[in-house]
Amino acid sequence: MPNNKEALPTQQFIDIESIENDAVKLKSGGLRKILLVSGTNFALKSEEEQGLITYAFQGFLNSLDFSIQIFIHSRKLNIDDYLTGLGERETQEANELLKNQIAEYREFIKAFVSQNAIMQKRFFVSVPYDSIQIPKIGLDLAEKVSSLFGGGKKNSEQKKQNLEEQLEQFDQRVDQVVGGLNQIGLRAVPLNNDELLELFYNLYNPASKEKQGVEIKKE
């Protein structure tokens, strides 16, 4: 077995190259945007409502000319911020009776969560974009000469323009998915750079304490 010095870095086994422009850039060159989607209690709906939702969801999937990935992230709920808020409220409370009640409630919640696994489920949709690239077998003589006399700057500008066009087309896909989910009664919000980092930290570190901040913010 290889020793620690010869061990391969974990990043080598992850397909993600970087997170920028509120998107995940893969090593293959593809882009992914992740949507956080609100849930609905389908079981509590009437039979007619369930049928309408199912029909609308089927129509939404059929309207897409690209694939999407739907996944659910289940994780033990982290209530550290909630307990901290209760502690601050306890400190600020002038009424001794209320202060004691807050302290007892905080200890009860802390003990209950430590003895019972409270799970939190989040629903996500991954929207893909893979640009079609025609492979080039080497550079011809003209391209080599051009690269020596400023052609590199032109190629850099072209790559930047291509990226902007790809992001524009990508955003159109995201808007299509968000609109389709809204018609079903589900709210979808694209994650930004910081939220994507938190999400993948939680996904690749299931045993560590959850980083919070990925949530659908109310308007």
C-alpha atoms as a PDB file:
ATOM      1  CA  MET A   1       0.000   0.000   0.000  1.00  0.00           C
ATOM      2  CA  PRO A   2       1.281   3.523  -0.696  1.00  0.00           C
ATOM      3  CA  ASN A   3       2.525   5.553   2.241  1.00  0.00           C
ATOM      4  CA  ASN A   4       1.230   9.011   3.130  1.00  0.00           C
ATOM      5  CA  LYS A   5       3.755  10.740   0.874  1.00  0.00           C
ATOM      6  CA  GLU A   6       2.617   8.677  -2.101  1.00  0.00           C
ATOM      7  CA  ALA A   7      -1.102   8.970  -1.326  1.00  0.00           C
ATOM      8  CA  LEU A   8      -3.083  10.730  -4.025  1.00  0.00           C
ATOM      9  CA  PRO A   9      -4.904  13.953  -3.063  1.00  0.00           C
ATOM     10  CA  THR A  10      -8.662  13.681  -2.585  1.00  0.00           C
ATOM     11  CA  GLN A  11      -9.246  16.420  -5.181  1.00  0.00           C
ATOM     12  CA  GLN A  12      -7.975  14.057  -7.887  1.00  0.00           C
ATOM     13  CA  PHE A  13     -11.063  11.891  -7.457  1.00  0.00           C
ATOM     14  CA  ILE A  14     -13.523  14.809  -7.616  1.00  0.00           C
ATOM     15  CA  ASP A  15     -14.790  15.923 -11.015  1.00  0.00           C
ATOM     16  CA  ILE A  16     -15.066  19.568  -9.942  1.00  0.00           C
ATOM     17  CA  GLU A  17     -12.402  21.932 -11.277  1.00  0.00           C
ATOM     18  CA  SER A  18     -13.703  25.177  -9.782  1.00  0.00           C
ATOM     19  CA  ILE A  19     -16.771  27.075  -8.590  1.00  0.00           C
ATOM     20  CA  GLU A  20     -17.231  30.475 -10.200  1.00  0.00           C
ATOM     21  CA  ASN A  21     -19.944  32.623 -11.769  1.00  0.00           C
ATOM     22  CA  ASP A  22     -22.433  30.818  -9.454  1.00  0.00           C
ATOM     23  CA  ALA A  23     -21.765  27.606 -11.373  1.00  0.00           C
ATOM     24  CA  VAL A  24     -19.773  24.411 -10.960  1.00  0.00           C
ATOM     25  CA  LYS A  25     -17.101  23.948 -13.611  1.00  0.00           C
ATOM     26  CA  LEU A  26     -16.168  20.314 -14.238  1.00  0.00           C
ATOM     27  CA  LYS A  27     -12.760  19.039 -15.301  1.00  0.00           C
ATOM     28  CA  SER A  28     -14.372  17.893 -18.554  1.00  0.00           C
ATOM     29  CA  GLY A  29     -15.275  21.529 -19.337  1.00  0.00           C
ATOM     30  CA  GLY A  30     -18.974  21.148 -18.575  1.00  0.00           C
ATOM     31  CA  LEU A  31     -20.930  23.517 -16.358  1.00  0.00           C
ATOM     32  CA  ARG A  32     -23.545  22.754 -13.717  1.00  0.00           C
ATOM     33  CA  LYS A  33     -25.902  25.028 -11.820  1.00  0.00           C
ATOM     34  CA  ILE A  34     -27.592  23.759  -8.678  1.00  0.00           C
ATOM     35  CA  LEU A  35     -31.117  24.819  -7.727  1.00  0.00           C
ATOM     36  CA  LEU A  36     -32.446  24.550  -4.185  1.00  0.00           C
ATOM     37  CA  VAL A  37     -36.097  23.520  -4.487  1.00  0.00           C
ATOM     38  CA  SER A  38     -38.832  23.836  -1.889  1.00  0.00           C
ATOM     39  CA  GLY A  39     -40.763  20.681  -1.019  1.00  0.00           C
ATOM     40  CA  THR A  40     -44.469  19.900  -0.862  1.00  0.00           C
ATOM     41  CA  ASN A  41     -46.343  17.318   1.182  1.00  0.00           C
ATOM     42  CA  PHE A  42     -47.731  15.268  -1.675  1.00  0.00           C
ATOM     43  CA  ALA A  43     -49.404  12.741   0.659  1.00  0.00           C
ATOM     44  CA  LEU A  44     -51.645  15.418   2.203  1.00  0.00           C
ATOM     45  CA  LYS A  45     -52.990  16.516  -1.180  1.00  0.00           C
ATOM     46  CA  SER A  46     -56.343  15.317  -2.407  1.00  0.00           C
ATOM     47  CA  GLU A  47     -56.445  12.689  -5.131  1.00  0.00           C
ATOM     48  CA  GLU A  48     -57.386  15.352  -7.674  1.00  0.00           C
ATOM     49  CA  GLU A  49     -54.530  17.623  -6.595  1.00  0.00           C
ATOM     50  CA  GLN A  50     -52.069  14.736  -6.754  1.00  0.00           C
ATOM     51  CA  GLY A  51     -53.189  13.971 -10.292  1.00  0.00           C
ATOM     52  CA  LEU A  52     -52.754  17.591 -11.358  1.00  0.00           C
ATOM     53  CA  ILE A  53     -49.281  17.785  -9.827  1.00  0.00           C
ATOM     54  CA  THR A  54     -48.232  14.515 -11.458  1.00  0.00           C
ATOM     55  CA  TYR A  55     -49.550  15.628 -14.844  1.00  0.00           C
ATOM     56  CA  ALA A  56     -47.838  19.023 -14.540  1.00  0.00           C
ATOM     57  CA  PHE A  57     -44.532  17.388 -13.532  1.00  0.00           C
ATOM     58  CA  GLN A  58     -44.747  15.022 -16.501  1.00  0.00           C
ATOM     59  CA  GLY A  59     -45.355  17.972 -18.813  1.00  0.00           C
ATOM     60  CA  PHE A  60     -42.411  19.822 -17.291  1.00  0.00           C
ATOM     61  CA  LEU A  61     -40.027  16.906 -17.924  1.00  0.00           C
ATOM     62  CA  ASN A  62     -41.297  16.456 -21.495  1.00  0.00           C
ATOM     63  CA  SER A  63     -40.706  20.166 -22.207  1.00  0.00           C
ATOM     64  CA  LEU A  64     -36.967  19.855 -21.557  1.00  0.00           C
ATOM     65  CA  ASP A  65     -34.584  19.024 -24.392  1.00  0.00           C
ATOM     66  CA  PHE A  66     -31.753  18.346 -21.935  1.00  0.00           C
ATOM     67  CA  SER A  67     -31.378  16.101 -18.920  1.00  0.00           C
ATOM     68  CA  ILE A  68     -31.541  17.241 -15.294  1.00  0.00           C
ATOM     69  CA  GLN A  69     -30.530  15.511 -12.095  1.00  0.00           C
ATOM     70  CA  ILE A  70     -32.773  15.518  -9.017  1.00  0.00           C
ATOM     71  CA  PHE A  71     -31.257  14.579  -5.689  1.00  0.00           C
ATOM     72  CA  ILE A  72     -32.156  14.740  -1.995  1.00  0.00           C
ATOM     73  CA  HIS A  73     -29.607  15.539   0.699  1.00  0.00           C
ATOM     74  CA  SER A  74     -30.512  14.133   4.126  1.00  0.00           C
ATOM     75  CA  ARG A  75     -28.385  15.145   7.076  1.00  0.00           C
ATOM     76  CA  LYS A  76     -28.609  15.452  10.833  1.00  0.00           C
ATOM     77  CA  LEU A  77     -29.936  18.901  11.686  1.00  0.00           C
ATOM     78  CA  ASN A  78     -27.417  21.362  13.112  1.00  0.00           C
ATOM     79  CA  ILE A  79     -29.141  23.599  15.697  1.00  0.00           C
ATOM     80  CA  ASP A  80     -26.042  25.343  17.063  1.00  0.00           C
ATOM     81  CA  ASP A  81     -27.155  28.742  15.753  1.00  0.00           C
ATOM     82  CA  TYR A  82     -30.629  28.245  17.248  1.00  0.00           C
ATOM     83  CA  LEU A  83     -29.185  27.370  20.661  1.00  0.00           C
ATOM     84  CA  THR A  84     -26.832  30.352  20.471  1.00  0.00           C
ATOM     85  CA  GLY A  85     -29.793  32.620  19.744  1.00  0.00           C
ATOM     86  CA  LEU A  86     -31.662  31.249  22.760  1.00  0.00           C
ATOM     87  CA  GLY A  87     -28.589  31.859  24.929  1.00  0.00           C
ATOM     88  CA  GLU A  88     -28.432  35.484  23.769  1.00  0.00           C
ATOM     89  CA  ARG A  89     -32.154  35.910  24.423  1.00  0.00           C
ATOM     90  CA  GLU A  90     -31.681  34.462  27.911  1.00  0.00           C
ATOM     91  CA  THR A  91     -28.876  36.921  28.666  1.00  0.00           C
ATOM     92  CA  GLN A  92     -30.923  39.910  27.470  1.00  0.00           C
ATOM     93  CA  GLU A  93     -34.122  38.917  29.298  1.00  0.00           C
ATOM     94  CA  ALA A  94     -34.749  41.074  32.401  1.00  0.00           C
ATOM     95  CA  ASN A  95     -37.653  39.035  33.763  1.00  0.00           C
ATOM     96  CA  GLU A  96     -36.203  36.271  35.953  1.00  0.00           C
ATOM     97  CA  LEU A  97     -39.166  33.944  35.371  1.00  0.00           C
ATOM     98  CA  LEU A  98     -38.902  34.172  31.583  1.00  0.00           C
ATOM     99  CA  LYS A  99     -35.141  33.920  31.834  1.00  0.00           C
ATOM    100  CA  ASN A 100     -35.416  30.612  33.696  1.00  0.00           C
ATOM    101  CA  GLN A 101     -38.002  29.306  31.235  1.00  0.00           C
ATOM    102  CA  ILE A 102     -35.713  30.109  28.279  1.00  0.00           C
ATOM    103  CA  ALA A 103     -32.802  28.353  30.022  1.00  0.00           C
ATOM    104  CA  GLU A 104     -34.917  25.244  30.715  1.00  0.00           C
ATOM    105  CA  TYR A 105     -36.245  25.210  27.146  1.00  0.00           C
ATOM    106  CA  ARG A 106     -32.715  25.543  25.715  1.00  0.00           C
ATOM    107  CA  GLU A 107     -31.470  22.634  27.835  1.00  0.00           C
ATOM    108  CA  PHE A 108     -34.489  20.534  26.838  1.00  0.00           C
ATOM    109  CA  ILE A 109     -33.890  21.121  23.117  1.00  0.00           C
ATOM    110  CA  LYS A 110     -30.181  20.420  23.503  1.00  0.00           C
ATOM    111  CA  ALA A 111     -30.819  17.134  25.339  1.00  0.00           C
ATOM    112  CA  PHE A 112     -33.593  16.057  22.963  1.00  0.00           C
ATOM    113  CA  VAL A 113     -31.473  16.567  19.843  1.00  0.00           C
ATOM    114  CA  SER A 114     -28.481  14.799  21.389  1.00  0.00           C
ATOM    115  CA  GLN A 115     -30.632  11.706  22.065  1.00  0.00           C
ATOM    116  CA  ASN A 116     -32.705  11.769  18.864  1.00  0.00           C
ATOM    117  CA  ALA A 117     -31.395  12.206  15.348  1.00  0.00           C
ATOM    118  CA  ILE A 118     -33.378  15.068  13.816  1.00  0.00           C
ATOM    119  CA  MET A 119     -32.924  14.793  10.071  1.00  0.00           C
ATOM    120  CA  GLN A 120     -33.199  17.622   7.592  1.00  0.00           C
ATOM    121  CA  LYS A 121     -33.986  17.024   3.937  1.00  0.00           C
ATOM    122  CA  ARG A 122     -33.123  19.407   1.152  1.00  0.00           C
ATOM    123  CA  PHE A 123     -34.126  19.002  -2.470  1.00  0.00           C
ATOM    124  CA  PHE A 124     -31.838  19.996  -5.330  1.00  0.00           C
ATOM    125  CA  VAL A 125     -31.935  20.024  -9.128  1.00  0.00           C
ATOM    126  CA  SER A 126     -28.739  20.063 -11.164  1.00  0.00           C
ATOM    127  CA  VAL A 127     -28.963  21.794 -14.541  1.00  0.00           C
ATOM    128  CA  PRO A 128     -26.189  20.795 -16.994  1.00  0.00           C
ATOM    129  CA  TYR A 129     -24.497  22.594 -19.848  1.00  0.00           C
ATOM    130  CA  ASP A 130     -21.878  20.853 -21.971  1.00  0.00           C
ATOM    131  CA  SER A 131     -20.614  22.889 -24.904  1.00  0.00           C
ATOM    132  CA  ILE A 132     -19.931  21.056 -28.153  1.00  0.00           C
ATOM    133  CA  GLN A 133     -16.256  21.307 -28.971  1.00  0.00           C
ATOM    134  CA  ILE A 134     -14.582  20.054 -32.138  1.00  0.00           C
ATOM    135  CA  PRO A 135     -11.129  18.699 -31.241  1.00  0.00           C
ATOM    136  CA  LYS A 136      -8.189  20.187 -33.136  1.00  0.00           C
ATOM    137  CA  ILE A 137      -5.172  18.042 -33.947  1.00  0.00           C
ATOM    138  CA  GLY A 138      -2.291  20.451 -33.415  1.00  0.00           C
ATOM    139  CA  LEU A 139      -1.778  23.949 -34.820  1.00  0.00           C
ATOM    140  CA  ASP A 140      -0.988  24.609 -38.455  1.00  0.00           C
ATOM    141  CA  LEU A 141       1.865  26.890 -39.503  1.00  0.00           C
ATOM    142  CA  ALA A 142      -0.331  29.984 -39.775  1.00  0.00           C
ATOM    143  CA  GLU A 143      -1.662  29.555 -36.243  1.00  0.00           C
ATOM    144  CA  LYS A 144       1.851  29.075 -34.895  1.00  0.00           C
ATOM    145  CA  VAL A 145       3.059  32.264 -36.575  1.00  0.00           C
ATOM    146  CA  SER A 146      -0.048  34.112 -35.318  1.00  0.00           C
ATOM    147  CA  SER A 147       0.640  33.017 -31.753  1.00  0.00           C
ATOM    148  CA  LEU A 148       4.123  34.544 -32.010  1.00  0.00           C
ATOM    149  CA  PHE A 149       2.773  37.952 -33.115  1.00  0.00           C
ATOM    150  CA  GLY A 150      -0.097  38.636 -30.710  1.00  0.00           C
ATOM    151  CA  GLY A 151      -2.449  35.869 -31.708  1.00  0.00           C
ATOM    152  CA  GLY A 152      -2.521  34.613 -28.119  1.00  0.00           C
ATOM    153  CA  LYS A 153      -4.325  37.771 -26.972  1.00  0.00           C
ATOM    154  CA  LYS A 154      -6.931  37.332 -29.708  1.00  0.00           C
ATOM    155  CA  ASN A 155      -7.484  33.714 -28.688  1.00  0.00           C
ATOM    156  CA  SER A 156      -7.893  34.788 -25.071  1.00  0.00           C
ATOM    157  CA  GLU A 157     -10.532  37.351 -26.037  1.00  0.00           C
ATOM    158  CA  GLN A 158     -12.312  34.737 -28.147  1.00  0.00           C
ATOM    159  CA  LYS A 159     -12.365  32.301 -25.224  1.00  0.00           C
ATOM    160  CA  LYS A 160     -13.802  35.013 -22.973  1.00  0.00           C
ATOM    161  CA  GLN A 161     -16.514  35.786 -25.528  1.00  0.00           C
ATOM    162  CA  ASN A 162     -17.325  32.095 -25.909  1.00  0.00           C
ATOM    163  CA  LEU A 163     -17.633  31.727 -22.146  1.00  0.00           C
ATOM    164  CA  GLU A 164     -20.027  34.682 -21.950  1.00  0.00           C
ATOM    165  CA  GLU A 165     -22.168  33.168 -24.704  1.00  0.00           C
ATOM    166  CA  GLN A 166     -22.179  29.799 -22.928  1.00  0.00           C
ATOM    167  CA  LEU A 167     -23.217  31.393 -19.633  1.00  0.00           C
ATOM    168  CA  GLU A 168     -26.033  33.254 -21.401  1.00  0.00           C
ATOM    169  CA  GLN A 169     -27.341  30.028 -22.947  1.00  0.00           C
ATOM    170  CA  PHE A 170     -26.871  28.312 -19.597  1.00  0.00           C
ATOM    171  CA  ASP A 171     -28.956  30.954 -17.809  1.00  0.00           C
ATOM    172  CA  GLN A 172     -31.742  30.385 -20.332  1.00  0.00           C
ATOM    173  CA  ARG A 173     -31.797  26.711 -19.362  1.00  0.00           C
ATOM    174  CA  VAL A 174     -31.888  27.590 -15.679  1.00  0.00           C
ATOM    175  CA  ASP A 175     -34.772  30.028 -16.230  1.00  0.00           C
ATOM    176  CA  GLN A 176     -36.666  27.309 -18.109  1.00  0.00           C
ATOM    177  CA  VAL A 177     -36.256  24.851 -15.231  1.00  0.00           C
ATOM    178  CA  VAL A 178     -37.159  27.459 -12.580  1.00  0.00           C
ATOM    179  CA  GLY A 179     -40.271  28.458 -14.546  1.00  0.00           C
ATOM    180  CA  GLY A 180     -41.346  24.849 -14.990  1.00  0.00           C
ATOM    181  CA  LEU A 181     -40.976  24.103 -11.283  1.00  0.00           C
ATOM    182  CA  ASN A 182     -42.876  27.262 -10.368  1.00  0.00           C
ATOM    183  CA  GLN A 183     -45.823  26.060 -12.449  1.00  0.00           C
ATOM    184  CA  ILE A 184     -45.941  22.920 -10.301  1.00  0.00           C
ATOM    185  CA  GLY A 185     -46.003  25.061  -7.167  1.00  0.00           C
ATOM    186  CA  LEU A 186     -42.349  24.549  -6.255  1.00  0.00           C
ATOM    187  CA  ARG A 187     -40.002  27.446  -5.670  1.00  0.00           C
ATOM    188  CA  ALA A 188     -36.482  27.042  -7.034  1.00  0.00           C
ATOM    189  CA  VAL A 189     -33.500  29.277  -6.252  1.00  0.00           C
ATOM    190  CA  PRO A 190     -30.052  28.980  -7.915  1.00  0.00           C
ATOM    191  CA  LEU A 191     -27.211  28.679  -5.409  1.00  0.00           C
ATOM    192  CA  ASN A 192     -24.438  31.281  -5.480  1.00  0.00           C
ATOM    193  CA  ASN A 193     -20.704  30.595  -5.096  1.00  0.00           C
ATOM    194  CA  ASP A 194     -20.679  30.571  -1.275  1.00  0.00           C
ATOM    195  CA  GLU A 195     -23.768  28.364  -1.074  1.00  0.00           C
ATOM    196  CA  LEU A 196     -22.283  25.919  -3.588  1.00  0.00           C
ATOM    197  CA  LEU A 197     -19.114  25.679  -1.515  1.00  0.00           C
ATOM    198  CA  GLU A 198     -21.184  24.967   1.604  1.00  0.00           C
ATOM    199  CA  LEU A 199     -23.242  22.352  -0.220  1.00  0.00           C
ATOM    200  CA  PHE A 200     -20.268  20.397  -1.529  1.00  0.00           C
ATOM    201  CA  TYR A 201     -18.471  20.711   1.799  1.00  0.00           C
ATOM    202  CA  ASN A 202     -21.473  19.027   3.443  1.00  0.00           C
ATOM    203  CA  LEU A 203     -21.712  16.391   0.705  1.00  0.00           C
ATOM    204  CA  TYR A 204     -18.041  15.395   0.860  1.00  0.00           C
ATOM    205  CA  ASN A 205     -17.775  15.654   4.664  1.00  0.00           C
ATOM    206  CA  PRO A 206     -20.801  13.686   5.919  1.00  0.00           C
ATOM    207  CA  ALA A 207     -19.249  12.920   9.313  1.00  0.00           C
ATOM    208  CA  SER A 208     -18.273  16.496  10.185  1.00  0.00           C
ATOM    209  CA  LYS A 209     -20.473  19.235  11.572  1.00  0.00           C
ATOM    210  CA  GLU A 210     -22.777  20.711   8.962  1.00  0.00           C
ATOM    211  CA  LYS A 211     -22.044  24.125   7.571  1.00  0.00           C
ATOM    212  CA  GLN A 212     -25.213  26.198   7.546  1.00  0.00           C
ATOM    213  CA  GLY A 213     -26.414  28.917   5.212  1.00  0.00           C
ATOM    214  CA  VAL A 214     -27.891  27.005   2.257  1.00  0.00           C
ATOM    215  CA  GLU A 215     -31.578  27.752   2.432  1.00  0.00           C
ATOM    216  CA  ILE A 216     -34.421  29.289   0.448  1.00  0.00           C
ATOM    217  CA  LYS A 217     -34.679  32.848   1.690  1.00  0.00           C
ATOM    218  CA  LYS A 218     -38.142  34.303   2.049  1.00  0.00           C
ATOM    219  CA  GLU A 219     -38.819  37.432   0.073  1.00  0.00           C
END
